[in-house]
């Protein structure tokens, strides 16, 4: 009968440790690392940046069209 007490104690403490790890991971999520700019495939063009700014609502349609004509694409 003593064997079951030890098993329950191990399950309790194991569950408590898992709960603590989960809680810490939920409170402090990891953020994705920004891409490094020295890789050959990481080139972002002006048009891509312009498209992202327009999609994000930073630019009006008129500003977007004017800047797109300025870029020449």
Protein backbone atom coordinates (compact mmCIF):
# COMPACT_ATOMS: atom_id res chain seq x y z
CA UNK A 1 0.00 0.00 0.00
CA UNK A 2 2.96 2.36 0.51
CA UNK A 3 3.87 2.11 -3.18
CA UNK A 4 0.67 3.88 -4.20
CA UNK A 5 1.39 6.80 -1.88
CA UNK A 6 4.76 7.38 -3.50
CA UNK A 7 3.23 7.20 -6.98
CA UNK A 8 0.54 9.74 -6.07
CA UNK A 9 3.16 12.03 -4.55
CA UNK A 10 5.30 11.85 -7.71
CA UNK A 11 2.26 12.52 -9.89
CA UNK A 12 1.27 15.49 -7.75
CA UNK A 13 4.72 17.11 -7.80
CA UNK A 14 5.23 16.32 -11.49
CA UNK A 15 1.89 17.92 -12.30
CA UNK A 16 2.72 20.93 -10.17
CA UNK A 17 6.06 21.38 -11.95
CA UNK A 18 4.38 21.04 -15.38
CA UNK A 19 1.76 23.60 -14.35
CA UNK A 20 4.48 26.04 -13.26
CA UNK A 21 6.39 25.61 -16.53
CA UNK A 22 3.20 26.12 -18.56
CA UNK A 23 2.31 29.23 -16.55
CA UNK A 24 5.76 30.76 -17.06
CA UNK A 25 5.62 29.99 -20.80
CA UNK A 26 2.17 31.60 -21.04
CA UNK A 27 3.22 34.73 -19.16
CA UNK A 28 6.49 35.24 -21.07
CA UNK A 29 5.96 34.21 -24.70
CA UNK A 30 8.94 34.22 -27.00
CA UNK A 31 8.85 36.72 -29.83
CA UNK A 32 9.99 35.74 -33.30
CA UNK A 33 13.47 36.88 -34.20
CA UNK A 34 13.71 39.59 -36.86
CA UNK A 35 15.33 38.43 -40.10
CA UNK A 36 18.96 39.28 -40.61
CA UNK A 37 19.61 41.63 -43.50
CA UNK A 38 22.85 40.04 -44.68
CA UNK A 39 21.28 37.00 -46.32
CA UNK A 40 20.90 37.10 -50.10
CA UNK A 41 17.16 36.33 -50.09
CA UNK A 42 16.23 38.96 -47.50
CA UNK A 43 16.15 41.89 -49.96
CA UNK A 44 12.95 43.86 -49.54
CA UNK A 45 12.18 46.31 -52.31
CA UNK A 46 10.65 49.76 -52.03
CA UNK A 47 7.45 48.51 -53.66
CA UNK A 48 7.12 45.77 -51.02
CA UNK A 49 7.50 48.30 -48.22
CA UNK A 50 5.01 50.62 -49.91
CA UNK A 51 2.50 47.78 -50.29
CA UNK A 52 2.90 46.83 -46.62
CA UNK A 53 2.37 50.42 -45.48
CA UNK A 54 -0.75 50.77 -47.63
CA UNK A 55 -2.11 47.44 -46.41
CA UNK A 56 -1.45 48.50 -42.82
CA UNK A 57 -3.48 51.68 -43.27
CA UNK A 58 -0.56 54.07 -42.96
CA UNK A 59 -1.18 55.61 -46.41
CA UNK A 60 -4.24 56.87 -48.21
CA UNK A 61 -4.99 55.70 -51.74
CA UNK A 62 -3.75 59.01 -53.17
CA UNK A 63 -0.47 58.83 -51.25
CA UNK A 64 -0.02 55.22 -52.32
CA UNK A 65 -0.60 56.01 -56.01
CA UNK A 66 1.73 59.00 -55.91
CA UNK A 67 4.53 57.08 -54.24
CA UNK A 68 4.07 54.13 -56.57
CA UNK A 69 4.48 56.44 -59.58
CA UNK A 70 7.56 57.95 -57.97
CA UNK A 71 9.10 54.52 -57.56
CA UNK A 72 8.36 53.83 -61.22
CA UNK A 73 6.86 50.35 -60.95
